[in-house]
Amino acid sequence: MNVVLYTTHCPKCEVLAQKLTLKNVKYTVCDDIDKVIATGERIGIMSAPFLKIEDEYMDFSKAVKWLNEEVPNGGCSTCDF
């Protein structure tokens, strides 16, 4: 699973990064502010953080809901988490 965290390293960004780490989700970070802004404008998300999971983008609220509801605690031994 390809997960990218778009971040400005603000407090909300750090909360999402911490949640990803606690759930053992492997992710890469995009913190190039120009790329974060350009991507956000292109997809209609106007604030950081947001996630890209494969080809789907999620704002902060949707990303937290996905982590809480879809990602098992401690990661998944059969997935690439």
N, C-alpha and C. Protein backbone atom coordinates (compact mmCIF):
# COMPACT_ATOMS: atom_id res chain seq x y z
N MET A 1 0.85 -1.17 0.00
CA MET A 1 0.00 0.00 0.00
C MET A 1 0.89 1.23 0.00
N ASN A 2 0.60 2.16 -0.89
CA ASN A 2 1.37 3.39 -1.01
C ASN A 2 0.64 4.52 -0.28
N VAL A 3 1.23 5.02 0.79
CA VAL A 3 0.63 6.09 1.59
C VAL A 3 1.60 7.27 1.63
N VAL A 4 1.09 8.46 1.30
CA VAL A 4 1.89 9.68 1.35
C VAL A 4 1.19 10.67 2.29
N LEU A 5 1.94 11.19 3.24
CA LEU A 5 1.45 12.23 4.14
C LEU A 5 1.92 13.58 3.61
N TYR A 6 0.99 14.43 3.24
CA TYR A 6 1.29 15.80 2.84
C TYR A 6 1.20 16.65 4.10
N THR A 7 2.31 17.31 4.45
CA THR A 7 2.41 17.95 5.75
C THR A 7 3.16 19.27 5.71
N THR A 8 2.79 20.14 6.62
CA THR A 8 3.55 21.37 6.88
C THR A 8 4.20 21.30 8.25
N HIS A 9 4.06 20.17 8.91
CA HIS A 9 4.58 19.92 10.26
C HIS A 9 3.89 20.78 11.32
N CYS A 10 2.65 21.16 11.03
CA CYS A 10 1.85 21.88 12.02
C CYS A 10 1.38 20.87 13.08
N PRO A 11 0.75 21.33 14.16
CA PRO A 11 0.28 20.39 15.19
C PRO A 11 -0.66 19.30 14.65
N LYS A 12 -1.61 19.66 13.78
CA LYS A 12 -2.50 18.64 13.21
C LYS A 12 -1.72 17.65 12.36
N CYS A 13 -0.73 18.14 11.64
CA CYS A 13 0.11 17.25 10.82
C CYS A 13 0.84 16.25 11.70
N GLU A 14 1.35 16.72 12.82
CA GLU A 14 2.08 15.84 13.73
C GLU A 14 1.15 14.81 14.37
N VAL A 15 -0.09 15.20 14.65
CA VAL A 15 -1.07 14.25 15.18
C VAL A 15 -1.32 13.13 14.17
N LEU A 16 -1.51 13.48 12.90
CA LEU A 16 -1.75 12.46 11.89
C LEU A 16 -0.52 11.57 11.70
N ALA A 17 0.66 12.16 11.70
CA ALA A 17 1.89 11.37 11.58
C ALA A 17 2.00 10.39 12.75
N GLN A 18 1.68 10.86 13.95
CA GLN A 18 1.74 10.00 15.13
C GLN A 18 0.74 8.85 15.02
N LYS A 19 -0.47 9.14 14.55
CA LYS A 19 -1.48 8.09 14.39
C LYS A 19 -1.03 7.05 13.36
N LEU A 20 -0.44 7.51 12.27
CA LEU A 20 0.08 6.57 11.27
C LEU A 20 1.14 5.67 11.88
N THR A 21 2.04 6.26 12.65
CA THR A 21 3.12 5.50 13.28
C THR A 21 2.56 4.51 14.29
N LEU A 22 1.61 4.95 15.11
CA LEU A 22 1.02 4.06 16.11
C LEU A 22 0.30 2.87 15.49
N LYS A 23 -0.25 3.07 14.30
CA LYS A 23 -0.94 1.98 13.60
C LYS A 23 0.02 1.18 12.71
N ASN A 24 1.31 1.50 12.79
CA ASN A 24 2.34 0.81 11.99
C ASN A 24 2.10 0.92 10.50
N VAL A 25 1.56 2.05 10.05
CA VAL A 25 1.36 2.28 8.63
C VAL A 25 2.65 2.86 8.06
N LYS A 26 3.20 2.19 7.06
CA LYS A 26 4.38 2.71 6.39
C LYS A 26 3.94 3.83 5.47
N TYR A 27 4.64 4.96 5.53
CA TYR A 27 4.26 6.10 4.71
C TYR A 27 5.49 6.92 4.36
N THR A 28 5.36 7.70 3.31
CA THR A 28 6.37 8.67 2.96
C THR A 28 5.80 10.05 3.23
N VAL A 29 6.69 11.02 3.34
CA VAL A 29 6.31 12.39 3.69
C VAL A 29 6.58 13.30 2.50
N CYS A 30 5.61 14.12 2.18
CA CYS A 30 5.81 15.23 1.25
C CYS A 30 5.66 16.50 2.07
N ASP A 31 6.79 17.19 2.29
CA ASP A 31 6.73 18.43 3.06
C ASP A 31 7.27 19.62 2.26
N ASP A 32 7.37 19.44 0.96
CA ASP A 32 7.71 20.54 0.07
C ASP A 32 6.46 21.42 -0.04
N ILE A 33 6.51 22.60 0.58
CA ILE A 33 5.31 23.43 0.71
C ILE A 33 4.69 23.75 -0.65
N ASP A 34 5.50 23.95 -1.68
CA ASP A 34 4.95 24.23 -3.01
C ASP A 34 4.16 23.04 -3.54
N LYS A 35 4.67 21.83 -3.32
CA LYS A 35 3.97 20.63 -3.76
C LYS A 35 2.71 20.39 -2.93
N VAL A 36 2.79 20.65 -1.62
CA VAL A 36 1.62 20.49 -0.76
C VAL A 36 0.50 21.42 -1.23
N ILE A 37 0.84 22.68 -1.47
CA ILE A 37 -0.16 23.67 -1.91
C ILE A 37 -0.71 23.31 -3.28
N ALA A 38 0.17 23.00 -4.23
CA ALA A 38 -0.28 22.68 -5.59
C ALA A 38 -1.16 21.44 -5.61
N THR A 39 -0.78 20.42 -4.88
CA THR A 39 -1.58 19.20 -4.84
C THR A 39 -2.92 19.47 -4.17
N GLY A 40 -2.90 20.18 -3.06
CA GLY A 40 -4.13 20.52 -2.36
C GLY A 40 -5.10 21.29 -3.25
N GLU A 41 -4.58 22.28 -3.99
CA GLU A 41 -5.43 23.05 -4.89
C GLU A 41 -6.00 22.17 -5.99
N ARG A 42 -5.18 21.26 -6.53
CA ARG A 42 -5.62 20.40 -7.62
C ARG A 42 -6.73 19.44 -7.18
N ILE A 43 -6.66 18.97 -5.94
CA ILE A 43 -7.64 17.97 -5.47
C ILE A 43 -8.76 18.58 -4.63
N GLY A 44 -8.66 19.87 -4.33
CA GLY A 44 -9.72 20.54 -3.58
C GLY A 44 -9.62 20.42 -2.07
N ILE A 45 -8.44 20.11 -1.56
CA ILE A 45 -8.21 20.10 -0.11
C ILE A 45 -7.32 21.30 0.19
N MET A 46 -7.84 22.23 0.96
CA MET A 46 -7.15 23.50 1.12
C MET A 46 -6.42 23.65 2.46
N SER A 47 -6.24 22.56 3.18
CA SER A 47 -5.47 22.65 4.42
C SER A 47 -4.72 21.34 4.65
N ALA A 48 -3.57 21.48 5.25
CA ALA A 48 -2.77 20.31 5.62
C ALA A 48 -3.16 19.90 7.03
N PRO A 49 -2.98 18.64 7.34
CA PRO A 49 -2.41 17.58 6.53
C PRO A 49 -3.48 16.89 5.70
N PHE A 50 -3.01 16.15 4.70
CA PHE A 50 -3.88 15.23 3.99
C PHE A 50 -3.05 14.03 3.56
N LEU A 51 -3.77 12.93 3.30
CA LEU A 51 -3.12 11.69 2.90
C LEU A 51 -3.48 11.34 1.47
N LYS A 52 -2.55 10.68 0.82
CA LYS A 52 -2.83 10.00 -0.45
C LYS A 52 -2.62 8.52 -0.17
N ILE A 53 -3.66 7.74 -0.37
CA ILE A 53 -3.59 6.29 -0.20
C ILE A 53 -3.90 5.68 -1.55
N GLU A 54 -2.86 5.11 -2.16
CA GLU A 54 -2.93 4.66 -3.56
C GLU A 54 -3.34 5.86 -4.41
N ASP A 55 -4.55 5.88 -4.98
CA ASP A 55 -5.00 6.99 -5.82
C ASP A 55 -6.08 7.84 -5.15
N GLU A 56 -6.32 7.63 -3.86
CA GLU A 56 -7.37 8.36 -3.14
C GLU A 56 -6.75 9.35 -2.17
N TYR A 57 -7.27 10.56 -2.18
CA TYR A 57 -6.83 11.59 -1.23
C TYR A 57 -7.84 11.72 -0.11
N MET A 58 -7.34 11.97 1.09
CA MET A 58 -8.20 12.13 2.27
C MET A 58 -7.76 13.35 3.06
N ASP A 59 -8.74 14.19 3.43
CA ASP A 59 -8.40 15.29 4.32
C ASP A 59 -8.17 14.73 5.72
N PHE A 60 -7.81 15.60 6.65
CA PHE A 60 -7.46 15.17 8.00
C PHE A 60 -8.57 14.32 8.63
N SER A 61 -9.80 14.81 8.60
CA SER A 61 -10.92 14.10 9.24
C SER A 61 -11.14 12.72 8.64
N LYS A 62 -11.13 12.65 7.32
CA LYS A 62 -11.35 11.36 6.65
C LYS A 62 -10.18 10.41 6.91
N ALA A 63 -8.96 10.96 6.96
CA ALA A 63 -7.78 10.13 7.23
C ALA A 63 -7.83 9.55 8.64
N VAL A 64 -8.22 10.35 9.62
CA VAL A 64 -8.32 9.86 11.00
C VAL A 64 -9.41 8.80 11.09
N LYS A 65 -10.54 9.03 10.43
CA LYS A 65 -11.62 8.04 10.43
C LYS A 65 -11.13 6.74 9.80
N TRP A 66 -10.42 6.83 8.68
CA TRP A 66 -9.88 5.63 8.03
C TRP A 66 -8.94 4.88 8.97
N LEU A 67 -8.06 5.61 9.65
CA LEU A 67 -7.13 4.97 10.58
C LEU A 67 -7.87 4.29 11.73
N ASN A 68 -8.88 4.96 12.26
CA ASN A 68 -9.61 4.42 13.41
C ASN A 68 -10.49 3.23 13.04
N GLU A 69 -11.06 3.25 11.84
CA GLU A 69 -12.05 2.23 11.47
C GLU A 69 -11.49 1.12 10.59
N GLU A 70 -10.51 1.41 9.76
CA GLU A 70 -10.07 0.46 8.76
C GLU A 70 -8.71 -0.18 9.04
N VAL A 71 -7.89 0.47 9.83
CA VAL A 71 -6.54 -0.04 10.07
C VAL A 71 -6.50 -0.69 11.44
N PRO A 72 -6.20 -1.98 11.48
CA PRO A 72 -6.15 -2.66 12.78
C PRO A 72 -5.04 -2.11 13.67
N ASN A 73 -5.22 -2.18 14.96
CA ASN A 73 -4.18 -1.76 15.89
C ASN A 73 -2.95 -2.61 15.70
N GLY A 74 -1.80 -1.97 15.68
CA GLY A 74 -0.56 -2.72 15.54
C GLY A 74 -0.26 -3.17 14.14
N GLY A 75 -1.03 -2.71 13.16
CA GLY A 75 -0.77 -3.09 11.79
C GLY A 75 -1.38 -4.44 11.44
N CYS A 76 -1.14 -4.85 10.26
CA CYS A 76 -1.71 -6.09 9.76
C CYS A 76 -0.58 -6.98 9.26
N SER A 77 -0.53 -8.21 9.73
CA SER A 77 0.55 -9.12 9.34
C SER A 77 0.41 -9.62 7.91
N THR A 78 -0.78 -9.48 7.30
CA THR A 78 -0.95 -9.96 5.95
C THR A 78 -0.91 -8.84 4.92
N CYS A 79 -0.91 -7.58 5.38
CA CYS A 79 -0.88 -6.44 4.46
C CYS A 79 0.50 -5.79 4.53
N ASP A 80 0.71 -4.83 3.66
CA ASP A 80 1.97 -4.09 3.67
C ASP A 80 1.82 -2.86 4.56
N PHE A 81 1.44 -3.08 5.79
CA PHE A 81 1.29 -1.99 6.76
C PHE A 81 2.40 -2.14 7.76
